Amino acid sequence: QIESASAVEIKGISGSEKLPFFQDLQTVEALSKEPWYLKTH
């Protein structure tokens, strides 16, 4: 509960060349864990 409550949701716009980076499973998992707790859209 603490981990999900402290997560920050980030929304952004990206060109097609950077989109695969933000959709990469390793990137999404790394950003969602400690110390960042970021959810990206």
Full PDB file with SEQRES, HELIX, SHEET, SSBOND, CRYST1, ORIGX, SCALE, CONECT and MASTER records, all heavy atoms in Angstrom:
SEQRES   1 A   41  GLN ILE GLU SER ALA SER ALA VAL GLU ILE LYS GLY ILE          
SEQRES   2 A   41  SER GLY SER GLU LYS LEU PRO PHE PHE GLN ASP LEU GLN          
SEQRES   3 A   41  THR VAL GLU ALA LEU SER LYS GLU PRO TRP TYR LEU LYS          
SEQRES   4 A   41  THR HIS                                                      
HELIX    1 AA1 ILE A    2  ALA A    5  1                                   4    
HELIX    2 AA2 LEU A   19  GLN A   23  1                                   5    
HELIX    3 AA3 LEU A   25  SER A   32  1                                   8    
SHEET    1 AA1 2 VAL A   8  ILE A  10  0                                        
SHEET    2 AA1 2 LEU A  38  THR A  40  1                                        
CRYST1    1.000    1.000    1.000  90.00  90.00  90.00 P 1           1          
ORIGX1      1.000000  0.000000  0.000000        0.00000                         
ORIGX2      0.000000  1.000000  0.000000        0.00000                         
ORIGX3      0.000000  0.000000  1.000000        0.00000                         
SCALE1      1.000000  0.000000  0.000000        0.00000                         
SCALE2      0.000000  1.000000  0.000000        0.00000                         
SCALE3      0.000000  0.000000  1.000000        0.00000                         
ATOM      1  N   GLN A   1       0.822  -1.204   0.000  1.00  0.00           N  
ATOM      2  CA  GLN A   1       0.000   0.000   0.000  1.00  0.00           C  
ATOM      3  C   GLN A   1       0.860   1.260   0.000  1.00  0.00           C  
ATOM      4  O   GLN A   1       0.539   2.240  -0.669  1.00  0.00           O  
ATOM      5  CB  GLN A   1      -0.937   0.008   1.205  1.00  0.00           C  
ATOM      6  CG  GLN A   1      -2.020  -1.022   1.119  1.00  0.00           C  
ATOM      7  CD  GLN A   1      -2.881  -1.059   2.376  1.00  0.00           C  
ATOM      8  OE1 GLN A   1      -2.635  -0.321   3.316  1.00  0.00           O  
ATOM      9  NE2 GLN A   1      -3.871  -1.922   2.377  1.00  0.00           N  
ATOM     10  N   ILE A   2       1.935   1.267   0.755  1.00  0.00           N  
ATOM     11  CA  ILE A   2       2.814   2.429   0.800  1.00  0.00           C  
ATOM     12  C   ILE A   2       3.451   2.655  -0.563  1.00  0.00           C  
ATOM     13  O   ILE A   2       3.541   3.781  -1.046  1.00  0.00           O  
ATOM     14  CB  ILE A   2       3.886   2.254   1.889  1.00  0.00           C  
ATOM     15  CG1 ILE A   2       3.249   2.349   3.270  1.00  0.00           C  
ATOM     16  CG2 ILE A   2       4.995   3.281   1.739  1.00  0.00           C  
ATOM     17  CD1 ILE A   2       4.183   2.021   4.399  1.00  0.00           C  
ATOM     18  N   GLU A   3       3.879   1.582  -1.197  1.00  0.00           N  
ATOM     19  CA  GLU A   3       4.512   1.707  -2.505  1.00  0.00           C  
ATOM     20  C   GLU A   3       3.540   2.260  -3.544  1.00  0.00           C  
ATOM     21  O   GLU A   3       3.874   3.137  -4.308  1.00  0.00           O  
ATOM     22  CB  GLU A   3       5.048   0.350  -2.952  1.00  0.00           C  
ATOM     23  CG  GLU A   3       5.824   0.411  -4.240  1.00  0.00           C  
ATOM     24  CD  GLU A   3       6.430  -0.929  -4.578  1.00  0.00           C  
ATOM     25  OE1 GLU A   3       7.016  -1.552  -3.684  1.00  0.00           O  
ATOM     26  OE2 GLU A   3       6.312  -1.338  -5.734  1.00  0.00           O  
ATOM     27  N   SER A   4       2.308   1.767  -3.567  1.00  0.00           N  
ATOM     28  CA  SER A   4       1.346   2.234  -4.558  1.00  0.00           C  
ATOM     29  C   SER A   4       0.853   3.641  -4.232  1.00  0.00           C  
ATOM     30  O   SER A   4       0.530   4.411  -5.123  1.00  0.00           O  
ATOM     31  CB  SER A   4       0.168   1.271  -4.665  1.00  0.00           C  
ATOM     32  OG  SER A   4      -0.570   1.259  -3.468  1.00  0.00           O  
ATOM     33  N   ALA A   5       0.785   3.999  -2.957  1.00  0.00           N  
ATOM     34  CA  ALA A   5       0.328   5.338  -2.576  1.00  0.00           C  
ATOM     35  C   ALA A   5       1.375   6.395  -2.872  1.00  0.00           C  
ATOM     36  O   ALA A   5       1.041   7.544  -3.136  1.00  0.00           O  
ATOM     37  CB  ALA A   5      -0.043   5.363  -1.100  1.00  0.00           C  
ATOM     38  N   SER A   6       2.639   6.031  -2.844  1.00  0.00           N  
ATOM     39  CA  SER A   6       3.685   7.010  -3.069  1.00  0.00           C  
ATOM     40  C   SER A   6       4.043   7.156  -4.553  1.00  0.00           C  
ATOM     41  O   SER A   6       4.878   7.972  -4.903  1.00  0.00           O  
ATOM     42  CB  SER A   6       4.936   6.639  -2.272  1.00  0.00           C  
ATOM     43  OG  SER A   6       5.443   5.406  -2.717  1.00  0.00           O  
ATOM     44  N   ALA A   7       3.428   6.374  -5.417  1.00  0.00           N  
ATOM     45  CA  ALA A   7       3.722   6.443  -6.841  1.00  0.00           C  
ATOM     46  C   ALA A   7       3.177   7.746  -7.437  1.00  0.00           C  
ATOM     47  O   ALA A   7       2.105   8.209  -7.099  1.00  0.00           O  
ATOM     48  CB  ALA A   7       3.112   5.261  -7.574  1.00  0.00           C  
ATOM     49  N   VAL A   8       3.970   8.334  -8.322  1.00  0.00           N  
ATOM     50  CA  VAL A   8       3.597   9.565  -9.004  1.00  0.00           C  
ATOM     51  C   VAL A   8       3.337   9.235 -10.465  1.00  0.00           C  
ATOM     52  O   VAL A   8       4.120   8.540 -11.104  1.00  0.00           O  
ATOM     53  CB  VAL A   8       4.726  10.614  -8.898  1.00  0.00           C  
ATOM     54  CG1 VAL A   8       4.387  11.863  -9.682  1.00  0.00           C  
ATOM     55  CG2 VAL A   8       4.995  10.946  -7.445  1.00  0.00           C  
ATOM     56  N   GLU A   9       2.226   9.718 -10.979  1.00  0.00           N  
ATOM     57  CA  GLU A   9       1.877   9.459 -12.379  1.00  0.00           C  
ATOM     58  C   GLU A   9       2.378  10.616 -13.235  1.00  0.00           C  
ATOM     59  O   GLU A   9       2.103  11.778 -12.950  1.00  0.00           O  
ATOM     60  CB  GLU A   9       0.369   9.320 -12.524  1.00  0.00           C  
ATOM     61  CG  GLU A   9      -0.053   8.884 -13.892  1.00  0.00           C  
ATOM     62  CD  GLU A   9      -1.538   8.584 -13.958  1.00  0.00           C  
ATOM     63  OE1 GLU A   9      -2.111   8.169 -12.946  1.00  0.00           O  
ATOM     64  OE2 GLU A   9      -2.102   8.787 -15.042  1.00  0.00           O  
ATOM     65  N   ILE A  10       3.106  10.267 -14.290  1.00  0.00           N  
ATOM     66  CA  ILE A  10       3.660  11.262 -15.207  1.00  0.00           C  
ATOM     67  C   ILE A  10       3.052  11.029 -16.579  1.00  0.00           C  
ATOM     68  O   ILE A  10       3.069   9.916 -17.095  1.00  0.00           O  
ATOM     69  CB  ILE A  10       5.189  11.151 -15.290  1.00  0.00           C  
ATOM     70  CG1 ILE A  10       5.803  11.446 -13.936  1.00  0.00           C  
ATOM     71  CG2 ILE A  10       5.742  12.083 -16.344  1.00  0.00           C  
ATOM     72  CD1 ILE A  10       7.291  11.297 -13.909  1.00  0.00           C  
ATOM     73  N   LYS A  11       2.501  12.092 -17.158  1.00  0.00           N  
ATOM     74  CA  LYS A  11       1.947  12.018 -18.512  1.00  0.00           C  
ATOM     75  C   LYS A  11       2.790  12.906 -19.417  1.00  0.00           C  
ATOM     76  O   LYS A  11       3.188  14.005 -19.031  1.00  0.00           O  
ATOM     77  CB  LYS A  11       0.499  12.496 -18.528  1.00  0.00           C  
ATOM     78  CG  LYS A  11      -0.427  11.617 -17.729  1.00  0.00           C  
ATOM     79  CD  LYS A  11      -1.851  12.109 -17.789  1.00  0.00           C  
ATOM     80  CE  LYS A  11      -2.740  11.219 -16.953  1.00  0.00           C  
ATOM     81  NZ  LYS A  11      -4.128  11.674 -16.965  1.00  0.00           N  
ATOM     82  N   GLY A  12       3.059  12.421 -20.614  1.00  0.00           N  
ATOM     83  CA  GLY A  12       3.885  13.190 -21.519  1.00  0.00           C  
ATOM     84  C   GLY A  12       3.631  12.863 -22.970  1.00  0.00           C  
ATOM     85  O   GLY A  12       2.859  11.964 -23.313  1.00  0.00           O  
ATOM     86  N   ILE A  13       4.292  13.610 -23.818  1.00  0.00           N  
ATOM     87  CA  ILE A  13       4.196  13.454 -25.267  1.00  0.00           C  
ATOM     88  C   ILE A  13       5.599  13.185 -25.783  1.00  0.00           C  
ATOM     89  O   ILE A  13       6.557  13.819 -25.344  1.00  0.00           O  
ATOM     90  CB  ILE A  13       3.646  14.737 -25.917  1.00  0.00           C  
ATOM     91  CG1 ILE A  13       2.317  15.108 -25.281  1.00  0.00           C  
ATOM     92  CG2 ILE A  13       3.495  14.562 -27.406  1.00  0.00           C  
ATOM     93  CD1 ILE A  13       1.894  16.522 -25.569  1.00  0.00           C  
ATOM     94  N   SER A  14       5.719  12.261 -26.714  1.00  0.00           N  
ATOM     95  CA  SER A  14       7.031  11.916 -27.235  1.00  0.00           C  
ATOM     96  C   SER A  14       6.938  11.684 -28.731  1.00  0.00           C  
ATOM     97  O   SER A  14       5.910  11.254 -29.246  1.00  0.00           O  
ATOM     98  CB  SER A  14       7.544  10.649 -26.555  1.00  0.00           C  
ATOM     99  OG  SER A  14       8.756  10.229 -27.144  1.00  0.00           O  
ATOM    100  N   GLY A  15       8.031  11.963 -29.375  1.00  0.00           N  
ATOM    101  CA  GLY A  15       8.136  11.632 -30.785  1.00  0.00           C  
ATOM    102  C   GLY A  15       8.298  10.131 -30.955  1.00  0.00           C  
ATOM    103  O   GLY A  15       8.580   9.398 -30.005  1.00  0.00           O  
ATOM    104  N   SER A  16       8.142   9.658 -32.160  1.00  0.00           N  
ATOM    105  CA  SER A  16       8.165   8.218 -32.408  1.00  0.00           C  
ATOM    106  C   SER A  16       9.526   7.592 -32.117  1.00  0.00           C  
ATOM    107  O   SER A  16       9.612   6.409 -31.807  1.00  0.00           O  
ATOM    108  CB  SER A  16       7.774   7.934 -33.857  1.00  0.00           C  
ATOM    109  OG  SER A  16       8.671   8.583 -34.736  1.00  0.00           O  
ATOM    110  N   GLU A  17      10.605   8.373 -32.174  1.00  0.00           N  
ATOM    111  CA  GLU A  17      11.927   7.803 -31.946  1.00  0.00           C  
ATOM    112  C   GLU A  17      12.202   7.510 -30.469  1.00  0.00           C  
ATOM    113  O   GLU A  17      13.007   6.654 -30.144  1.00  0.00           O  
ATOM    114  CB  GLU A  17      13.025   8.715 -32.507  1.00  0.00           C  
ATOM    115  CG  GLU A  17      13.173  10.062 -31.798  1.00  0.00           C  
ATOM    116  CD  GLU A  17      12.169  11.111 -32.251  1.00  0.00           C  
ATOM    117  OE1 GLU A  17      11.466  10.894 -33.241  1.00  0.00           O  
ATOM    118  OE2 GLU A  17      12.102  12.163 -31.585  1.00  0.00           O  
ATOM    119  N   LYS A  18      11.525   8.187 -29.553  1.00  0.00           N  
ATOM    120  CA  LYS A  18      11.744   7.965 -28.119  1.00  0.00           C  
ATOM    121  C   LYS A  18      10.649   7.108 -27.481  1.00  0.00           C  
ATOM    122  O   LYS A  18      10.797   6.656 -26.349  1.00  0.00           O  
ATOM    123  CB  LYS A  18      11.833   9.299 -27.391  1.00  0.00           C  
ATOM    124  CG  LYS A  18      13.063  10.082 -27.774  1.00  0.00           C  
ATOM    125  CD  LYS A  18      13.053  11.438 -27.134  1.00  0.00           C  
ATOM    126  CE  LYS A  18      14.155  12.300 -27.651  1.00  0.00           C  
ATOM    127  NZ  LYS A  18      13.901  12.831 -28.975  1.00  0.00           N  
ATOM    128  N   LEU A  19       9.582   6.879 -28.179  1.00  0.00           N  
ATOM    129  CA  LEU A  19       8.460   6.122 -27.638  1.00  0.00           C  
ATOM    130  C   LEU A  19       8.836   4.690 -27.255  1.00  0.00           C  
ATOM    131  O   LEU A  19       8.422   4.228 -26.185  1.00  0.00           O  
ATOM    132  CB  LEU A  19       7.298   6.127 -28.630  1.00  0.00           C  
ATOM    133  CG  LEU A  19       5.964   5.653 -28.089  1.00  0.00           C  
ATOM    134  CD1 LEU A  19       5.508   6.530 -26.932  1.00  0.00           C  
ATOM    135  CD2 LEU A  19       4.928   5.665 -29.189  1.00  0.00           C  
ATOM    136  N   PRO A  20       9.618   3.962 -28.047  1.00  0.00           N  
ATOM    137  CA  PRO A  20       9.981   2.590 -27.635  1.00  0.00           C  
ATOM    138  C   PRO A  20      10.726   2.546 -26.294  1.00  0.00           C  
ATOM    139  O   PRO A  20      10.585   1.594 -25.542  1.00  0.00           O  
ATOM    140  CB  PRO A  20      10.878   2.094 -28.765  1.00  0.00           C  
ATOM    141  CG  PRO A  20      10.463   2.885 -29.942  1.00  0.00           C  
ATOM    142  CD  PRO A  20      10.083   4.241 -29.403  1.00  0.00           C  
ATOM    143  N   PHE A  21      11.496   3.581 -25.978  1.00  0.00           N  
ATOM    144  CA  PHE A  21      12.194   3.622 -24.696  1.00  0.00           C  
ATOM    145  C   PHE A  21      11.197   3.642 -23.541  1.00  0.00           C  
ATOM    146  O   PHE A  21      11.344   2.910 -22.562  1.00  0.00           O  
ATOM    147  CB  PHE A  21      13.099   4.857 -24.623  1.00  0.00           C  
ATOM    148  CG  PHE A  21      13.706   5.055 -23.260  1.00  0.00           C  
ATOM    149  CD1 PHE A  21      14.753   4.267 -22.823  1.00  0.00           C  
ATOM    150  CD2 PHE A  21      13.224   6.043 -22.413  1.00  0.00           C  
ATOM    151  CE1 PHE A  21      15.308   4.453 -21.568  1.00  0.00           C  
ATOM    152  CE2 PHE A  21      13.768   6.227 -21.157  1.00  0.00           C  
ATOM    153  CZ  PHE A  21      14.814   5.436 -20.729  1.00  0.00           C  
ATOM    154  N   PHE A  22      10.167   4.469 -23.640  1.00  0.00           N  
ATOM    155  CA  PHE A  22       9.192   4.582 -22.567  1.00  0.00           C  
ATOM    156  C   PHE A  22       8.215   3.409 -22.530  1.00  0.00           C  
ATOM    157  O   PHE A  22       7.540   3.202 -21.528  1.00  0.00           O  
ATOM    158  CB  PHE A  22       8.418   5.899 -22.688  1.00  0.00           C  
ATOM    159  CG  PHE A  22       9.255   7.086 -22.311  1.00  0.00           C  
ATOM    160  CD1 PHE A  22       9.732   7.942 -23.283  1.00  0.00           C  
ATOM    161  CD2 PHE A  22       9.566   7.342 -20.991  1.00  0.00           C  
ATOM    162  CE1 PHE A  22      10.501   9.038 -22.941  1.00  0.00           C  
ATOM    163  CE2 PHE A  22      10.337   8.430 -20.630  1.00  0.00           C  
ATOM    164  CZ  PHE A  22      10.809   9.278 -21.612  1.00  0.00           C  
ATOM    165  N   GLN A  23       8.135   2.640 -23.592  1.00  0.00           N  
ATOM    166  CA  GLN A  23       7.277   1.461 -23.620  1.00  0.00           C  
ATOM    167  C   GLN A  23       8.038   0.183 -23.282  1.00  0.00           C  
ATOM    168  O   GLN A  23       7.424  -0.863 -23.101  1.00  0.00           O  
ATOM    169  CB  GLN A  23       6.614   1.315 -24.992  1.00  0.00           C  
ATOM    170  CG  GLN A  23       5.605   2.389 -25.276  1.00  0.00           C  
ATOM    171  CD  GLN A  23       5.012   2.266 -26.670  1.00  0.00           C  
ATOM    172  OE1 GLN A  23       5.614   1.681 -27.568  1.00  0.00           O  
ATOM    173  NE2 GLN A  23       3.832   2.832 -26.854  1.00  0.00           N  
ATOM    174  N   ASP A  24       9.361   0.273 -23.178  1.00  0.00           N  
ATOM    175  CA  ASP A  24      10.184  -0.880 -22.853  1.00  0.00           C  
ATOM    176  C   ASP A  24       9.852  -1.381 -21.456  1.00  0.00           C  
ATOM    177  O   ASP A  24       9.751  -0.601 -20.508  1.00  0.00           O  
ATOM    178  CB  ASP A  24      11.659  -0.505 -22.941  1.00  0.00           C  
ATOM    179  CG  ASP A  24      12.562  -1.687 -22.667  1.00  0.00           C  
ATOM    180  OD1 ASP A  24      12.336  -2.748 -23.271  1.00  0.00           O  
ATOM    181  OD2 ASP A  24      13.485  -1.540 -21.842  1.00  0.00           O  
ATOM    182  N   LEU A  25       9.655  -2.681 -21.320  1.00  0.00           N  
ATOM    183  CA  LEU A  25       9.243  -3.276 -20.049  1.00  0.00           C  
ATOM    184  C   LEU A  25      10.269  -3.040 -18.946  1.00  0.00           C  
ATOM    185  O   LEU A  25       9.907  -2.754 -17.803  1.00  0.00           O  
ATOM    186  CB  LEU A  25       8.994  -4.775 -20.234  1.00  0.00           C  
ATOM    187  CG  LEU A  25       8.194  -5.473 -19.161  1.00  0.00           C  
ATOM    188  CD1 LEU A  25       6.843  -4.799 -18.979  1.00  0.00           C  
ATOM    189  CD2 LEU A  25       8.007  -6.922 -19.510  1.00  0.00           C  
ATOM    190  N   GLN A  26      11.554  -3.114 -19.277  1.00  0.00           N  
ATOM    191  CA  GLN A  26      12.598  -2.872 -18.278  1.00  0.00           C  
ATOM    192  C   GLN A  26      12.582  -1.424 -17.801  1.00  0.00           C  
ATOM    193  O   GLN A  26      12.772  -1.154 -16.614  1.00  0.00           O  
ATOM    194  CB  GLN A  26      13.969  -3.214 -18.839  1.00  0.00           C  
ATOM    195  CG  GLN A  26      14.198  -4.697 -19.007  1.00  0.00           C  
ATOM    196  CD  GLN A  26      15.563  -4.996 -19.571  1.00  0.00           C  
ATOM    197  OE1 GLN A  26      16.188  -4.161 -20.221  1.00  0.00           O  
ATOM    198  NE2 GLN A  26      16.055  -6.211 -19.333  1.00  0.00           N  
ATOM    199  N   THR A  27      12.346  -0.481 -18.703  1.00  0.00           N  
ATOM    200  CA  THR A  27      12.274   0.930 -18.326  1.00  0.00           C  
ATOM    201  C   THR A  27      11.078   1.179 -17.425  1.00  0.00           C  
ATOM    202  O   THR A  27      11.191   1.852 -16.398  1.00  0.00           O  
ATOM    203  CB  THR A  27      12.182   1.816 -19.580  1.00  0.00           C  
ATOM    204  OG1 THR A  27      13.310   1.561 -20.417  1.00  0.00           O  
ATOM    205  CG2 THR A  27      12.145   3.284 -19.216  1.00  0.00           C  
ATOM    206  N   VAL A  28       9.921   0.647 -17.794  1.00  0.00           N  
ATOM    207  CA  VAL A  28       8.700   0.838 -17.001  1.00  0.00           C  
ATOM    208  C   VAL A  28       8.883   0.263 -15.596  1.00  0.00           C  
ATOM    209  O   VAL A  28       8.538   0.902 -14.599  1.00  0.00           O  
ATOM    210  CB  VAL A  28       7.485   0.199 -17.713  1.00  0.00           C  
ATOM    211  CG1 VAL A  28       6.270   0.199 -16.822  1.00  0.00           C  
ATOM    212  CG2 VAL A  28       7.198   0.930 -19.009  1.00  0.00           C  
ATOM    213  N   GLU A  29       9.460  -0.928 -15.510  1.00  0.00           N  
ATOM    214  CA  GLU A  29       9.681  -1.547 -14.203  1.00  0.00           C  
ATOM    215  C   GLU A  29      10.700  -0.774 -13.374  1.00  0.00           C  
ATOM    216  O   GLU A  29      10.531  -0.599 -12.174  1.00  0.00           O  
ATOM    217  CB  GLU A  29      10.139  -2.990 -14.370  1.00  0.00           C  
ATOM    218  CG  GLU A  29       9.041  -3.922 -14.827  1.00  0.00           C  
ATOM    219  CD  GLU A  29       9.531  -5.348 -15.035  1.00  0.00           C  
ATOM    220  OE1 GLU A  29      10.705  -5.642 -14.716  1.00  0.00           O  
ATOM    221  OE2 GLU A  29       8.735  -6.164 -15.512  1.00  0.00           O  
ATOM    222  N   ALA A  30      11.770  -0.301 -14.009  1.00  0.00           N  
ATOM    223  CA  ALA A  30      12.798   0.442 -13.274  1.00  0.00           C  
ATOM    224  C   ALA A  30      12.255   1.757 -12.732  1.00  0.00           C  
ATOM    225  O   ALA A  30      12.573   2.148 -11.608  1.00  0.00           O  
ATOM    226  CB  ALA A  30      13.997   0.702 -14.184  1.00  0.00           C  
ATOM    227  N   LEU A  31      11.435   2.442 -13.511  1.00  0.00           N  
ATOM    228  CA  LEU A  31      10.881   3.716 -13.054  1.00  0.00           C  
ATOM    229  C   LEU A  31       9.820   3.531 -11.981  1.00  0.00           C  
ATOM    230  O   LEU A  31       9.600   4.425 -11.168  1.00  0.00           O  
ATOM    231  CB  LEU A  31      10.296   4.491 -14.245  1.00  0.00           C  
ATOM    232  CG  LEU A  31      11.298   5.040 -15.239  1.00  0.00           C  
ATOM    233  CD1 LEU A  31      10.582   5.656 -16.431  1.00  0.00           C  
ATOM    234  CD2 LEU A  31      12.214   6.065 -14.591  1.00  0.00           C  
ATOM    235  N   SER A  32       9.166   2.378 -11.971  1.00  0.00           N  
ATOM    236  CA  SER A  32       8.094   2.166 -10.993  1.00  0.00           C  
ATOM    237  C   SER A  32       8.610   1.702  -9.637  1.00  0.00           C  
ATOM    238  O   SER A  32       7.865   1.669  -8.670  1.00  0.00           O  
ATOM    239  CB  SER A  32       7.082   1.158 -11.527  1.00  0.00           C  
ATOM    240  OG  SER A  32       7.673  -0.126 -11.613  1.00  0.00           O  
ATOM    241  N   LYS A  33       9.889   1.370  -9.540  1.00  0.00           N  
ATOM    242  CA  LYS A  33      10.456   0.866  -8.286  1.00  0.00           C  
ATOM    243  C   LYS A  33      11.166   1.984  -7.522  1.00  0.00           C  
ATOM    244  O   LYS A  33      11.263   3.118  -7.967  1.00  0.00           O  
ATOM    245  CB  LYS A  33      11.437  -0.264  -8.576  1.00  0.00           C  
ATOM    246  CG  LYS A  33      10.777  -1.507  -9.112  1.00  0.00           C  
ATOM    247  CD  LYS A  33      11.785  -2.591  -9.347  1.00  0.00           C  
ATOM    248  CE  LYS A  33      11.114  -3.826  -9.932  1.00  0.00           C  
ATOM    249  NZ  LYS A  33      12.077  -4.867 -10.227  1.00  0.00           N  
ATOM    250  N   GLU A  34      11.660   1.602  -6.362  1.00  0.00           N  
ATOM    251  CA  GLU A  34      12.401   2.513  -5.497  1.00  0.00           C  
ATOM    252  C   GLU A  34      13.625   3.019  -6.221  1.00  0.00           C  
ATOM    253  O   GLU A  34      14.261   2.261  -6.923  1.00  0.00           O  
ATOM    254  CB  GLU A  34      12.805   1.749  -4.227  1.00  0.00           C  
ATOM    255  CG  GLU A  34      13.287   2.617  -3.133  1.00  0.00           C  
ATOM    256  CD  GLU A  34      13.546   1.826  -1.849  1.00  0.00           C  
ATOM    257  OE1 GLU A  34      13.152   0.657  -1.747  1.00  0.00           O  
ATOM    258  OE2 GLU A  34      14.157   2.395  -0.973  1.00  0.00           O  
ATOM    259  N   PRO A  35      14.042   4.207  -6.154  1.00  0.00           N  
ATOM    260  CA  PRO A  35      13.566   5.321  -5.338  1.00  0.00           C  
ATOM    261  C   PRO A  35      12.580   6.235  -6.060  1.00  0.00           C  
ATOM    262  O   PRO A  35      12.144   7.226  -5.501  1.00  0.00           O  
ATOM    263  CB  PRO A  35      14.854   6.083  -5.037  1.00  0.00           C  
ATOM    264  CG  PRO A  35      15.657   5.923  -6.289  1.00  0.00           C  
ATOM    265  CD  PRO A  35      15.322   4.523  -6.782  1.00  0.00           C  
ATOM    266  N   TRP A  36      12.206   5.913  -7.323  1.00  0.00           N  
ATOM    267  CA  TRP A  36      11.400   6.855  -8.094  1.00  0.00           C  
ATOM    268  C   TRP A  36       9.903   6.673  -7.933  1.00  0.00           C  
ATOM    269  O   TRP A  36       9.166   7.628  -7.812  1.00  0.00           O  
ATOM    270  CB  TRP A  36      11.773   6.778  -9.584  1.00  0.00           C  
ATOM    271  CG  TRP A  36      13.197   7.158  -9.799  1.00  0.00           C  
ATOM    272  CD1 TRP A  36      13.730   8.401  -9.703  1.00  0.00           C  
ATOM    273  CD2 TRP A  36      14.278   6.293 -10.105  1.00  0.00           C  
ATOM    274  NE1 TRP A  36      15.078   8.364  -9.936  1.00  0.00           N  
ATOM    275  CE2 TRP A  36      15.449   7.074 -10.193  1.00  0.00           C  
ATOM    276  CE3 TRP A  36      14.375   4.940 -10.323  1.00  0.00           C  
ATOM    277  CZ2 TRP A  36      16.688   6.552 -10.477  1.00  0.00           C  
ATOM    278  CZ3 TRP A  36      15.619   4.412 -10.606  1.00  0.00           C  
ATOM    279  CH2 TRP A  36      16.750   5.221 -10.681  1.00  0.00           C  
ATOM    280  N   TYR A  37       9.395   5.478  -8.028  1.00  0.00           N  
ATOM    281  CA  TYR A  37       7.958   5.183  -7.968  1.00  0.00           C  
ATOM    282  C   TYR A  37       7.171   6.010  -8.995  1.00  0.00           C  
ATOM    283  O   TYR A  37       6.220   6.685  -8.662  1.00  0.00           O  
ATOM    284  CB  TYR A  37       7.393   5.426  -6.561  1.00  0.00           C  
ATOM    285  CG  TYR A  37       8.015   4.566  -5.499  1.00  0.00           C  
ATOM    286  CD1 TYR A  37       8.759   5.125  -4.478  1.00  0.00           C  
ATOM    287  CD2 TYR A  37       7.841   3.190  -5.523  1.00  0.00           C  
ATOM    288  CE1 TYR A  37       9.327   4.330  -3.498  1.00  0.00           C  
ATOM    289  CE2 TYR A  37       8.406   2.391  -4.541  1.00  0.00           C  
ATOM    290  CZ  TYR A  37       9.146   2.967  -3.532  1.00  0.00           C  
ATOM    291  OH  TYR A  37       9.702   2.179  -2.567  1.00  0.00           O  
ATOM    292  N   LEU A  38       7.603   5.970 -10.235  1.00  0.00           N  
ATOM    293  CA  LEU A  38       6.945   6.735 -11.299  1.00  0.00           C  
ATOM    294  C   LEU A  38       6.134   5.810 -12.200  1.00  0.00           C  
ATOM    295  O   LEU A  38       6.596   4.750 -12.605  1.00  0.00           O  
ATOM    296  CB  LEU A  38       7.993   7.460 -12.155  1.00  0.00           C  
ATOM    297  CG  LEU A  38       8.871   8.463 -11.435  1.00  0.00           C  
ATOM    298  CD1 LEU A  38       9.934   8.995 -12.387  1.00  0.00           C  
ATOM    299  CD2 LEU A  38       8.053   9.588 -10.870  1.00  0.00           C  
ATOM    300  N   LYS A  39       4.912   6.235 -12.509  1.00  0.00           N  
ATOM    301  CA  LYS A  39       4.078   5.553 -13.493  1.00  0.00           C  
ATOM    302  C   LYS A  39       4.017   6.469 -14.706  1.00  0.00           C  
ATOM    303  O   LYS A  39       3.570   7.615 -14.608  1.00  0.00           O  
ATOM    304  CB  LYS A  39       2.675   5.308 -12.939  1.00  0.00           C  
ATOM    305  CG  LYS A  39       2.639   4.340 -11.797  1.00  0.00           C  
ATOM    306  CD  LYS A  39       1.219   4.117 -11.321  1.00  0.00           C  
ATOM    307  CE  LYS A  39       1.190   3.175 -10.152  1.00  0.00           C  
ATOM    308  NZ  LYS A  39      -0.176   2.969  -9.658  1.00  0.00           N  
ATOM    309  N   THR A  40       4.460   5.982 -15.841  1.00  0.00           N  
ATOM    310  CA  THR A  40       4.533   6.826 -17.028  1.00  0.00           C  
ATOM    311  C   THR A  40       3.426   6.499 -18.018  1.00  0.00           C  
ATOM    312  O   THR A  40       3.079   5.337 -18.224  1.00  0.00           O  
ATOM    313  CB  THR A  40       5.896   6.653 -17.737  1.00  0.00           C  
ATOM    314  OG1 THR A  40       6.080   5.287 -18.067  1.00  0.00           O  
ATOM    315  CG2 THR A  40       7.036   7.105 -16.847  1.00  0.00           C  
ATOM    316  N   HIS A  41       2.874   7.545 -18.609  1.00  0.00           N  
ATOM    317  CA  HIS A  41       1.890   7.434 -19.689  1.00  0.00           C  
ATOM    318  C   HIS A  41       2.358   8.393 -20.784  1.00  0.00           C  
ATOM    319  O   HIS A  41       2.295   9.602 -20.624  1.00  0.00           O  
ATOM    320  CB  HIS A  41       0.494   7.825 -19.212  1.00  0.00           C  
ATOM    321  CG  HIS A  41      -0.019   6.953 -18.128  1.00  0.00           C  
ATOM    322  ND1 HIS A  41      -0.556   5.708 -18.371  1.00  0.00           N  
ATOM    323  CD2 HIS A  41      -0.075   7.122 -16.792  1.00  0.00           C  
ATOM    324  CE1 HIS A  41      -0.914   5.158 -17.235  1.00  0.00           C  
ATOM    325  NE2 HIS A  41      -0.633   5.998 -16.261  1.00  0.00           N  
TER     326      HIS A  41                                                      
MASTER        0    0    0    3    2    0    0    6  325    1    0    4          
END                                                                             
